[in-house]
Amino acid sequence: MMANRPGRTKFTEYKIPTSGDDYLGATILRKPLPPTEGPNKIMVICHGLLNTQYSRVVRTLATGLPYHACIFDFRGNGQSSGSTRYGNHFEEVDDLCHVVEYLRNVLHFQVEVIMGHSKGASAALLYSARYADVPYVIDLSGRYDMTKAPMLNFTPQQQEELATQGETVWKHYGLDGDRPYIVRKTDLENLTADRMEPVRCLDFNKVQVLIVHGEDDVVVPVEEGRKYYDVLLNGPVLNGQPDDRLTLKVLPKTSHVFTEPHEQALLLEAVGSWLEPRMR
């Protein structure tokens, strides 16, 4: 845990219980003077595939925006217990639900924003389609068509293991590189192009959405961000009519993970300028 000084952001670590003995490792960043009407408004930030709350994108947003923030590790990642698997989008929605409930019921925060990067964007959008109880949702570099994920390019040995054993270790990951990421044939078969279809019915009477995507993203091409925009725009609420409740921002000369300082500056400006009038 980082040391805290007067006038500085306060970092506090938590273990959020889920089911049985499992838990999610989380950190709350309390800002000294957040520019909001209520002192307990908070945003939740979700990391991407096989990443953690310490990812560059998550930390850039959590520390660079002036609002209280909760960052956490999905099951099987970082400091959280349990295991993860390929295509477990709805399990991660359950994780996000545990985080939101803990913030509300135990720490008495008002959860105003959910944002997610890459795979974390899927959890944020699916959560919002299911519950519609957090007013502002931000999709950062999210993928709509899951069948186009580059990790589906397996080595010949991995392809043979999938065919003969029904599963293969795609890679090892984690803080020490000691967690095997197992891909199962059944998970691949269950992951279809319309996995994200539930977001089409997102209730824009209760939720507003910002989509941010890098123009030069080669991991999740910008066309995926535009696809989300089209799907949401043509849902039952907006019905094809442009509305300020749905915004798409394509950032020039920007990659998937916002590595360079100018990319981080563009990201913070895009998200911050959208949130500022909404978080007053």
C-alpha atoms as a PDB file:
ATOM      1  CA  MET A   1       0.000   0.000   0.000  1.00  0.00           C
ATOM      2  CA  MET A   2       1.337   3.445  -0.906  1.00  0.00           C
ATOM      3  CA  ALA A   3       1.965   6.036   1.795  1.00  0.00           C
ATOM      4  CA  ASN A   4      -0.641   8.781   2.090  1.00  0.00           C
ATOM      5  CA  ARG A   5      -0.006  12.461   2.754  1.00  0.00           C
ATOM      6  CA  PRO A   6      -2.441  15.361   3.316  1.00  0.00           C
ATOM      7  CA  GLY A   7      -3.761  16.711   0.011  1.00  0.00           C
ATOM      8  CA  ARG A   8      -2.671  13.597  -1.871  1.00  0.00           C
ATOM      9  CA  THR A   9      -4.643  10.704  -3.284  1.00  0.00           C
ATOM     10  CA  LYS A  10      -5.245   8.040  -0.647  1.00  0.00           C
ATOM     11  CA  PHE A  11      -4.755   4.408  -1.750  1.00  0.00           C
ATOM     12  CA  THR A  12      -6.538   1.656   0.216  1.00  0.00           C
ATOM     13  CA  GLU A  13      -6.468  -2.036  -0.657  1.00  0.00           C
ATOM     14  CA  TYR A  14      -9.434  -4.392  -0.184  1.00  0.00           C
ATOM     15  CA  LYS A  15     -10.367  -8.025  -0.647  1.00  0.00           C
ATOM     16  CA  ILE A  16     -13.920  -8.082  -1.961  1.00  0.00           C
ATOM     17  CA  PRO A  17     -15.652 -11.401  -1.176  1.00  0.00           C
ATOM     18  CA  THR A  18     -17.443 -13.192  -3.996  1.00  0.00           C
ATOM     19  CA  SER A  19     -18.510 -16.781  -3.357  1.00  0.00           C
ATOM     20  CA  GLY A  20     -17.139 -19.345  -0.941  1.00  0.00           C
ATOM     21  CA  ASP A  21     -13.591 -18.409  -0.027  1.00  0.00           C
ATOM     22  CA  ASP A  22     -12.901 -16.502  -3.251  1.00  0.00           C
ATOM     23  CA  TYR A  23     -12.240 -12.784  -3.379  1.00  0.00           C
ATOM     24  CA  LEU A  24     -11.307  -9.963  -5.739  1.00  0.00           C
ATOM     25  CA  GLY A  25      -8.241  -7.851  -5.019  1.00  0.00           C
ATOM     26  CA  ALA A  26      -9.135  -4.161  -5.298  1.00  0.00           C
ATOM     27  CA  THR A  27      -7.752  -0.709  -4.587  1.00  0.00           C
ATOM     28  CA  ILE A  28      -9.729   2.455  -3.856  1.00  0.00           C
ATOM     29  CA  LEU A  29      -8.145   5.761  -4.842  1.00  0.00           C
ATOM     30  CA  ARG A  30      -9.723   8.559  -2.827  1.00  0.00           C
ATOM     31  CA  LYS A  31      -9.017  11.961  -4.333  1.00  0.00           C
ATOM     32  CA  PRO A  32      -8.605  14.933  -1.944  1.00  0.00           C
ATOM     33  CA  LEU A  33     -11.038  17.328  -3.696  1.00  0.00           C
ATOM     34  CA  PRO A  34     -13.115  15.544  -6.343  1.00  0.00           C
ATOM     35  CA  PRO A  35     -15.106  18.042  -8.486  1.00  0.00           C
ATOM     36  CA  THR A  36     -18.496  16.430  -7.845  1.00  0.00           C
ATOM     37  CA  GLU A  37     -21.654  17.496  -6.008  1.00  0.00           C
ATOM     38  CA  GLY A  38     -21.486  14.531  -3.651  1.00  0.00           C
ATOM     39  CA  PRO A  39     -18.276  13.469  -1.899  1.00  0.00           C
ATOM     40  CA  ASN A  40     -18.801   9.746  -2.488  1.00  0.00           C
ATOM     41  CA  LYS A  41     -19.200   9.467  -6.248  1.00  0.00           C
ATOM     42  CA  ILE A  42     -16.806   6.869  -7.666  1.00  0.00           C
ATOM     43  CA  MET A  43     -15.824   5.305 -10.967  1.00  0.00           C
ATOM     44  CA  VAL A  44     -14.960   1.624 -11.470  1.00  0.00           C
ATOM     45  CA  ILE A  45     -12.260   0.703 -14.009  1.00  0.00           C
ATOM     46  CA  CYS A  46     -11.954  -2.819 -15.505  1.00  0.00           C
ATOM     47  CA  HIS A  47      -8.718  -4.213 -16.943  1.00  0.00           C
ATOM     48  CA  GLY A  48      -8.261  -6.256 -20.121  1.00  0.00           C
ATOM     49  CA  LEU A  49      -7.404  -9.856 -20.958  1.00  0.00           C
ATOM     50  CA  LEU A  50      -4.872 -11.460 -18.563  1.00  0.00           C
ATOM     51  CA  ASN A  51      -4.013  -8.062 -17.170  1.00  0.00           C
ATOM     52  CA  THR A  52      -4.409  -6.466 -13.751  1.00  0.00           C
ATOM     53  CA  GLN A  53      -5.454  -3.314 -11.952  1.00  0.00           C
ATOM     54  CA  TYR A  54      -1.845  -2.215 -12.399  1.00  0.00           C
ATOM     55  CA  SER A  55      -2.073  -2.033 -16.191  1.00  0.00           C
ATOM     56  CA  ARG A  56      -0.896   1.183 -17.786  1.00  0.00           C
ATOM     57  CA  VAL A  57      -4.350   2.079 -19.117  1.00  0.00           C
ATOM     58  CA  VAL A  58      -6.100   1.481 -15.785  1.00  0.00           C
ATOM     59  CA  ARG A  59      -3.517   3.417 -13.784  1.00  0.00           C
ATOM     60  CA  THR A  60      -3.476   6.301 -16.290  1.00  0.00           C
ATOM     61  CA  LEU A  61      -7.225   6.757 -15.880  1.00  0.00           C
ATOM     62  CA  ALA A  62      -7.381   6.107 -12.145  1.00  0.00           C
ATOM     63  CA  THR A  63      -4.638   8.597 -11.315  1.00  0.00           C
ATOM     64  CA  GLY A  64      -5.161  11.075 -14.163  1.00  0.00           C
ATOM     65  CA  LEU A  65      -8.872  11.769 -13.673  1.00  0.00           C
ATOM     66  CA  PRO A  66      -9.944  13.840 -10.648  1.00  0.00           C
ATOM     67  CA  TYR A  67     -12.566  11.407  -9.340  1.00  0.00           C
ATOM     68  CA  HIS A  68     -12.490   8.646  -6.729  1.00  0.00           C
ATOM     69  CA  ALA A  69     -11.705   5.357  -8.452  1.00  0.00           C
ATOM     70  CA  CYS A  70     -11.970   1.638  -7.760  1.00  0.00           C
ATOM     71  CA  ILE A  71      -9.568  -0.579  -9.663  1.00  0.00           C
ATOM     72  CA  PHE A  72      -9.643  -4.355  -9.237  1.00  0.00           C
ATOM     73  CA  ASP A  73      -8.515  -7.703 -10.629  1.00  0.00           C
ATOM     74  CA  PHE A  74     -11.004 -10.048 -12.253  1.00  0.00           C
ATOM     75  CA  ARG A  75     -11.035 -13.633 -10.947  1.00  0.00           C
ATOM     76  CA  GLY A  76      -7.819 -15.512 -11.672  1.00  0.00           C
ATOM     77  CA  ASN A  77      -5.904 -12.308 -12.385  1.00  0.00           C
ATOM     78  CA  GLY A  78      -3.506 -10.221 -10.324  1.00  0.00           C
ATOM     79  CA  GLN A  79      -4.282 -10.352  -6.610  1.00  0.00           C
ATOM     80  CA  SER A  80      -7.644 -12.084  -6.983  1.00  0.00           C
ATOM     81  CA  SER A  81      -8.229 -15.741  -6.198  1.00  0.00           C
ATOM     82  CA  GLY A  82      -9.833 -18.304  -8.467  1.00  0.00           C
ATOM     83  CA  SER A  83      -9.172 -18.974 -12.132  1.00  0.00           C
ATOM     84  CA  THR A  84     -10.069 -17.401 -15.422  1.00  0.00           C
ATOM     85  CA  ARG A  85     -10.794 -18.958 -18.786  1.00  0.00           C
ATOM     86  CA  TYR A  86     -11.286 -18.020 -22.375  1.00  0.00           C
ATOM     87  CA  GLY A  87     -14.594 -16.364 -23.181  1.00  0.00           C
ATOM     88  CA  ASN A  88     -15.764 -15.999 -19.562  1.00  0.00           C
ATOM     89  CA  HIS A  89     -17.398 -12.639 -20.199  1.00  0.00           C
ATOM     90  CA  PHE A  90     -20.463 -13.340 -18.088  1.00  0.00           C
ATOM     91  CA  GLU A  91     -18.356 -14.561 -15.154  1.00  0.00           C
ATOM     92  CA  GLU A  92     -16.566 -11.217 -15.254  1.00  0.00           C
ATOM     93  CA  VAL A  93     -19.939  -9.455 -15.273  1.00  0.00           C
ATOM     94  CA  ASP A  94     -20.629 -11.315 -12.011  1.00  0.00           C
ATOM     95  CA  ASP A  95     -17.275 -10.103 -10.649  1.00  0.00           C
ATOM     96  CA  LEU A  96     -18.150  -6.539 -11.572  1.00  0.00           C
ATOM     97  CA  CYS A  97     -21.515  -6.936  -9.850  1.00  0.00           C
ATOM     98  CA  HIS A  98     -19.744  -7.988  -6.626  1.00  0.00           C
ATOM     99  CA  VAL A  99     -17.528  -4.899  -6.839  1.00  0.00           C
ATOM    100  CA  VAL A 100     -20.435  -2.501  -7.406  1.00  0.00           C
ATOM    101  CA  GLU A 101     -22.459  -4.033  -4.555  1.00  0.00           C
ATOM    102  CA  TYR A 102     -19.476  -3.848  -2.187  1.00  0.00           C
ATOM    103  CA  LEU A 103     -18.851  -0.202  -3.033  1.00  0.00           C
ATOM    104  CA  ARG A 104     -22.500   0.649  -2.440  1.00  0.00           C
ATOM    105  CA  ASN A 105     -23.423  -1.501   0.527  1.00  0.00           C
ATOM    106  CA  VAL A 106     -20.174  -1.724   2.482  1.00  0.00           C
ATOM    107  CA  LEU A 107     -18.203   1.412   1.600  1.00  0.00           C
ATOM    108  CA  HIS A 108     -21.275   3.581   0.861  1.00  0.00           C
ATOM    109  CA  PHE A 109     -20.068   4.982  -2.448  1.00  0.00           C
ATOM    110  CA  GLN A 110     -22.333   6.170  -5.237  1.00  0.00           C
ATOM    111  CA  VAL A 111     -21.121   4.314  -8.327  1.00  0.00           C
ATOM    112  CA  GLU A 112     -21.414   6.781 -11.206  1.00  0.00           C
ATOM    113  CA  VAL A 113     -19.096   5.361 -13.873  1.00  0.00           C
ATOM    114  CA  ILE A 114     -18.050   1.959 -15.148  1.00  0.00           C
ATOM    115  CA  MET A 115     -15.318   1.884 -17.740  1.00  0.00           C
ATOM    116  CA  GLY A 116     -13.400  -1.015 -19.193  1.00  0.00           C
ATOM    117  CA  HIS A 117     -10.406  -1.490 -21.461  1.00  0.00           C
ATOM    118  CA  SER A 118     -10.408  -4.180 -24.161  1.00  0.00           C
ATOM    119  CA  LYS A 119     -11.971  -7.318 -22.627  1.00  0.00           C
ATOM    120  CA  GLY A 120     -12.909  -5.225 -19.603  1.00  0.00           C
ATOM    121  CA  ALA A 121     -15.098  -3.127 -21.902  1.00  0.00           C
ATOM    122  CA  SER A 122     -17.140  -6.261 -22.611  1.00  0.00           C
ATOM    123  CA  ALA A 123     -17.833  -6.690 -18.897  1.00  0.00           C
ATOM    124  CA  ALA A 124     -18.777  -3.019 -18.532  1.00  0.00           C
ATOM    125  CA  LEU A 125     -21.227  -3.080 -21.443  1.00  0.00           C
ATOM    126  CA  LEU A 126     -22.763  -6.463 -20.592  1.00  0.00           C
ATOM    127  CA  TYR A 127     -23.197  -5.383 -16.968  1.00  0.00           C
ATOM    128  CA  SER A 128     -24.939  -2.222 -18.109  1.00  0.00           C
ATOM    129  CA  ALA A 129     -27.203  -4.120 -20.506  1.00  0.00           C
ATOM    130  CA  ARG A 130     -28.209  -6.434 -17.645  1.00  0.00           C
ATOM    131  CA  TYR A 131     -28.635  -3.939 -14.792  1.00  0.00           C
ATOM    132  CA  ALA A 132     -28.655  -0.367 -16.191  1.00  0.00           C
ATOM    133  CA  ASP A 133     -28.013   0.938 -12.658  1.00  0.00           C
ATOM    134  CA  VAL A 134     -24.811   2.936 -13.286  1.00  0.00           C
ATOM    135  CA  PRO A 135     -25.460   6.068 -15.364  1.00  0.00           C
ATOM    136  CA  TYR A 136     -22.195   6.409 -17.304  1.00  0.00           C
ATOM    137  CA  VAL A 137     -20.419   3.636 -19.200  1.00  0.00           C
ATOM    138  CA  ILE A 138     -17.152   3.940 -21.117  1.00  0.00           C
ATOM    139  CA  ASP A 139     -15.891   1.400 -23.662  1.00  0.00           C
ATOM    140  CA  LEU A 140     -12.147   1.718 -24.284  1.00  0.00           C
ATOM    141  CA  SER A 141     -10.870  -0.296 -27.261  1.00  0.00           C
ATOM    142  CA  GLY A 142     -13.524  -3.000 -26.860  1.00  0.00           C
ATOM    143  CA  ARG A 143     -14.128  -5.848 -29.301  1.00  0.00           C
ATOM    144  CA  TYR A 144     -17.631  -6.622 -30.566  1.00  0.00           C
ATOM    145  CA  ASP A 145     -17.002  -9.691 -32.752  1.00  0.00           C
ATOM    146  CA  MET A 146     -15.213 -12.179 -30.483  1.00  0.00           C
ATOM    147  CA  THR A 147     -14.543 -14.635 -33.316  1.00  0.00           C
ATOM    148  CA  LYS A 148     -11.942 -12.220 -34.699  1.00  0.00           C
ATOM    149  CA  ALA A 149      -9.688 -12.323 -31.633  1.00  0.00           C
ATOM    150  CA  PRO A 150      -6.045 -12.824 -32.688  1.00  0.00           C
ATOM    151  CA  MET A 151      -5.432 -15.430 -29.983  1.00  0.00           C
ATOM    152  CA  LEU A 152      -7.441 -17.884 -32.072  1.00  0.00           C
ATOM    153  CA  ASN A 153      -4.253 -18.418 -34.076  1.00  0.00           C
ATOM    154  CA  PHE A 154      -2.929 -21.509 -32.279  1.00  0.00           C
ATOM    155  CA  THR A 155       0.337 -23.290 -32.896  1.00  0.00           C
ATOM    156  CA  PRO A 156       0.139 -26.730 -34.570  1.00  0.00           C
ATOM    157  CA  GLN A 157       0.827 -28.398 -31.198  1.00  0.00           C
ATOM    158  CA  GLN A 158      -1.943 -26.414 -29.523  1.00  0.00           C
ATOM    159  CA  GLN A 159      -4.341 -27.273 -32.335  1.00  0.00           C
ATOM    160  CA  GLU A 160      -3.536 -30.959 -31.877  1.00  0.00           C
ATOM    161  CA  GLU A 161      -4.089 -30.737 -28.115  1.00  0.00           C
ATOM    162  CA  LEU A 162      -7.438 -29.059 -28.660  1.00  0.00           C
ATOM    163  CA  ALA A 163      -8.474 -31.783 -31.088  1.00  0.00           C
ATOM    164  CA  THR A 164      -7.281 -34.741 -29.023  1.00  0.00           C
ATOM    165  CA  GLN A 165      -7.511 -33.512 -25.405  1.00  0.00           C
ATOM    166  CA  GLY A 166     -10.186 -30.849 -25.679  1.00  0.00           C
ATOM    167  CA  GLU A 167      -7.975 -28.147 -24.166  1.00  0.00           C
ATOM    168  CA  THR A 168      -4.548 -26.538 -24.398  1.00  0.00           C
ATOM    169  CA  VAL A 169      -2.416 -24.116 -22.426  1.00  0.00           C
ATOM    170  CA  TRP A 170      -2.312 -20.992 -24.582  1.00  0.00           C
ATOM    171  CA  LYS A 171       0.252 -19.204 -22.395  1.00  0.00           C
ATOM    172  CA  HIS A 172       1.374 -18.668 -18.822  1.00  0.00           C
ATOM    173  CA  TYR A 173       0.541 -15.361 -17.197  1.00  0.00           C
ATOM    174  CA  GLY A 174       0.325 -13.604 -13.838  1.00  0.00           C
ATOM    175  CA  LEU A 175       2.631 -11.536 -11.692  1.00  0.00           C
ATOM    176  CA  ASP A 176       5.148 -14.406 -11.616  1.00  0.00           C
ATOM    177  CA  GLY A 177       4.183 -15.988 -14.927  1.00  0.00           C
ATOM    178  CA  ASP A 178       3.080 -19.141 -13.136  1.00  0.00           C
ATOM    179  CA  ARG A 179      -0.651 -19.233 -13.976  1.00  0.00           C
ATOM    180  CA  PRO A 180      -1.601 -21.385 -16.984  1.00  0.00           C
ATOM    181  CA  TYR A 181      -4.236 -19.873 -19.264  1.00  0.00           C
ATOM    182  CA  ILE A 182      -6.222 -22.869 -20.457  1.00  0.00           C
ATOM    183  CA  VAL A 183      -8.328 -22.658 -23.593  1.00  0.00           C
ATOM    184  CA  ARG A 184     -10.993 -25.361 -23.928  1.00  0.00           C
ATOM    185  CA  LYS A 185     -12.576 -26.520 -27.156  1.00  0.00           C
ATOM    186  CA  THR A 186     -16.032 -26.106 -25.636  1.00  0.00           C
ATOM    187  CA  ASP A 187     -15.282 -22.462 -24.786  1.00  0.00           C
ATOM    188  CA  LEU A 188     -14.239 -21.807 -28.375  1.00  0.00           C
ATOM    189  CA  GLU A 189     -17.414 -23.445 -29.680  1.00  0.00           C
ATOM    190  CA  ASN A 190     -19.580 -21.372 -27.339  1.00  0.00           C
ATOM    191  CA  LEU A 191     -17.970 -18.075 -28.319  1.00  0.00           C
ATOM    192  CA  THR A 192     -19.903 -16.766 -31.311  1.00  0.00           C
ATOM    193  CA  ALA A 193     -19.897 -13.541 -33.293  1.00  0.00           C
ATOM    194  CA  ASP A 194     -23.047 -12.402 -31.477  1.00  0.00           C
ATOM    195  CA  ARG A 195     -21.687 -12.813 -27.924  1.00  0.00           C
ATOM    196  CA  MET A 196     -22.123  -9.077 -27.362  1.00  0.00           C
ATOM    197  CA  GLU A 197     -25.610  -8.969 -28.857  1.00  0.00           C
ATOM    198  CA  PRO A 198     -27.263  -8.266 -25.440  1.00  0.00           C
ATOM    199  CA  VAL A 199     -25.799  -4.749 -25.472  1.00  0.00           C
ATOM    200  CA  ARG A 200     -28.186  -3.873 -28.317  1.00  0.00           C
ATOM    201  CA  CYS A 201     -30.961  -3.575 -25.734  1.00  0.00           C
ATOM    202  CA  LEU A 202     -29.029  -1.275 -23.396  1.00  0.00           C
ATOM    203  CA  ASP A 203     -31.502   1.184 -21.834  1.00  0.00           C
ATOM    204  CA  PHE A 204     -30.436   4.675 -22.883  1.00  0.00           C
ATOM    205  CA  ASN A 205     -33.165   6.118 -20.705  1.00  0.00           C
ATOM    206  CA  LYS A 206     -30.966   5.154 -17.750  1.00  0.00           C
ATOM    207  CA  VAL A 207     -27.441   4.937 -19.187  1.00  0.00           C
ATOM    208  CA  GLN A 208     -25.143   7.034 -21.376  1.00  0.00           C
ATOM    209  CA  VAL A 209     -22.228   5.494 -23.278  1.00  0.00           C
ATOM    210  CA  LEU A 210     -18.880   6.796 -24.490  1.00  0.00           C
ATOM    211  CA  ILE A 211     -16.870   4.675 -26.942  1.00  0.00           C
ATOM    212  CA  VAL A 212     -13.162   5.533 -27.276  1.00  0.00           C
ATOM    213  CA  HIS A 213     -10.945   3.769 -29.791  1.00  0.00           C
ATOM    214  CA  GLY A 214      -7.447   4.339 -31.145  1.00  0.00           C
ATOM    215  CA  GLU A 215      -7.246   4.929 -34.870  1.00  0.00           C
ATOM    216  CA  ASP A 216      -4.058   2.845 -35.117  1.00  0.00           C
ATOM    217  CA  ASP A 217      -5.205  -0.035 -32.875  1.00  0.00           C
ATOM    218  CA  VAL A 218      -3.907  -3.266 -34.456  1.00  0.00           C
ATOM    219  CA  VAL A 219      -5.065  -5.534 -31.604  1.00  0.00           C
ATOM    220  CA  VAL A 220      -8.735  -4.541 -31.739  1.00  0.00           C
ATOM    221  CA  PRO A 221      -9.202  -2.538 -34.960  1.00  0.00           C
ATOM    222  CA  VAL A 222     -11.157   0.701 -34.817  1.00  0.00           C
ATOM    223  CA  GLU A 223     -13.905  -0.942 -36.887  1.00  0.00           C
ATOM    224  CA  GLU A 224     -14.904  -2.782 -33.703  1.00  0.00           C
ATOM    225  CA  GLY A 225     -15.574   0.531 -31.954  1.00  0.00           C
ATOM    226  CA  ARG A 226     -17.640   1.700 -34.901  1.00  0.00           C
ATOM    227  CA  LYS A 227     -19.550  -1.594 -34.810  1.00  0.00           C
ATOM    228  CA  TYR A 228     -20.469  -1.002 -31.159  1.00  0.00           C
ATOM    229  CA  TYR A 229     -21.654   2.484 -32.049  1.00  0.00           C
ATOM    230  CA  ASP A 230     -23.848   1.178 -34.885  1.00  0.00           C
ATOM    231  CA  VAL A 231     -25.306  -1.640 -32.771  1.00  0.00           C
ATOM    232  CA  LEU A 232     -26.140   0.678 -29.863  1.00  0.00           C
ATOM    233  CA  LEU A 233     -27.423   3.455 -32.120  1.00  0.00           C
ATOM    234  CA  ASN A 234     -29.844   1.089 -33.830  1.00  0.00           C
ATOM    235  CA  GLY A 235     -31.136  -0.436 -30.600  1.00  0.00           C
ATOM    236  CA  PRO A 236     -34.750  -0.097 -29.428  1.00  0.00           C
ATOM    237  CA  VAL A 237     -34.260   3.176 -27.514  1.00  0.00           C
ATOM    238  CA  LEU A 238     -32.245   5.371 -29.891  1.00  0.00           C
ATOM    239  CA  ASN A 239     -33.730   3.656 -32.958  1.00  0.00           C
ATOM    240  CA  GLY A 240     -31.088   4.944 -35.351  1.00  0.00           C
ATOM    241  CA  GLN A 241     -31.302   8.591 -34.257  1.00  0.00           C
ATOM    242  CA  PRO A 242     -27.996  10.212 -33.188  1.00  0.00           C
ATOM    243  CA  ASP A 243     -28.184  11.318 -29.580  1.00  0.00           C
ATOM    244  CA  ASP A 244     -25.754  12.815 -27.051  1.00  0.00           C
ATOM    245  CA  ARG A 245     -26.401   9.795 -24.838  1.00  0.00           C
ATOM    246  CA  LEU A 246     -24.141   7.816 -27.218  1.00  0.00           C
ATOM    247  CA  THR A 247     -20.738   9.184 -28.255  1.00  0.00           C
ATOM    248  CA  LEU A 248     -17.907   7.729 -30.352  1.00  0.00           C
ATOM    249  CA  LYS A 249     -14.430   9.265 -30.146  1.00  0.00           C
ATOM    250  CA  VAL A 250     -11.707   7.933 -32.464  1.00  0.00           C
ATOM    251  CA  LEU A 251      -8.277   9.076 -31.274  1.00  0.00           C
ATOM    252  CA  PRO A 252      -5.712   9.807 -34.033  1.00  0.00           C
ATOM    253  CA  LYS A 253      -2.335   8.081 -34.066  1.00  0.00           C
ATOM    254  CA  THR A 254      -3.283   6.043 -31.016  1.00  0.00           C
ATOM    255  CA  SER A 255      -2.716   2.334 -30.300  1.00  0.00           C
ATOM    256  CA  HIS A 256      -4.517  -0.293 -28.228  1.00  0.00           C
ATOM    257  CA  VAL A 257      -2.662   0.144 -24.947  1.00  0.00           C
ATOM    258  CA  PHE A 258      -1.987   3.908 -25.010  1.00  0.00           C
ATOM    259  CA  THR A 259       1.728   3.466 -24.333  1.00  0.00           C
ATOM    260  CA  GLU A 260       3.097   6.837 -25.381  1.00  0.00           C
ATOM    261  CA  PRO A 261       2.614  10.049 -23.372  1.00  0.00           C
ATOM    262  CA  HIS A 262       0.704  11.732 -26.221  1.00  0.00           C
ATOM    263  CA  GLU A 263      -1.653   8.737 -26.385  1.00  0.00           C
ATOM    264  CA  GLN A 264      -2.305   8.906 -22.646  1.00  0.00           C
ATOM    265  CA  ALA A 265      -2.946  12.651 -22.920  1.00  0.00           C
ATOM    266  CA  LEU A 266      -5.491  12.087 -25.701  1.00  0.00           C
ATOM    267  CA  LEU A 267      -7.167   9.334 -23.680  1.00  0.00           C
ATOM    268  CA  LEU A 268      -7.470  11.476 -20.557  1.00  0.00           C
ATOM    269  CA  GLU A 269      -8.797  14.426 -22.568  1.00  0.00           C
ATOM    270  CA  ALA A 270     -11.389  12.296 -24.367  1.00  0.00           C
ATOM    271  CA  VAL A 271     -12.682  10.640 -21.200  1.00  0.00           C
ATOM    272  CA  GLY A 272     -12.278  13.678 -18.951  1.00  0.00           C
ATOM    273  CA  SER A 273     -14.081  16.113 -21.244  1.00  0.00           C
ATOM    274  CA  TRP A 274     -17.018  13.692 -21.575  1.00  0.00           C
ATOM    275  CA  LEU A 275     -17.260  13.061 -17.838  1.00  0.00           C
ATOM    276  CA  GLU A 276     -16.769  16.635 -16.643  1.00  0.00           C
ATOM    277  CA  PRO A 277     -20.306  17.953 -17.316  1.00  0.00           C
ATOM    278  CA  ARG A 278     -21.849  14.664 -16.205  1.00  0.00           C
ATOM    279  CA  MET A 279     -20.004  14.294 -12.892  1.00  0.00           C
ATOM    280  CA  ARG A 280     -20.686  17.766 -11.504  1.00  0.00           C
END
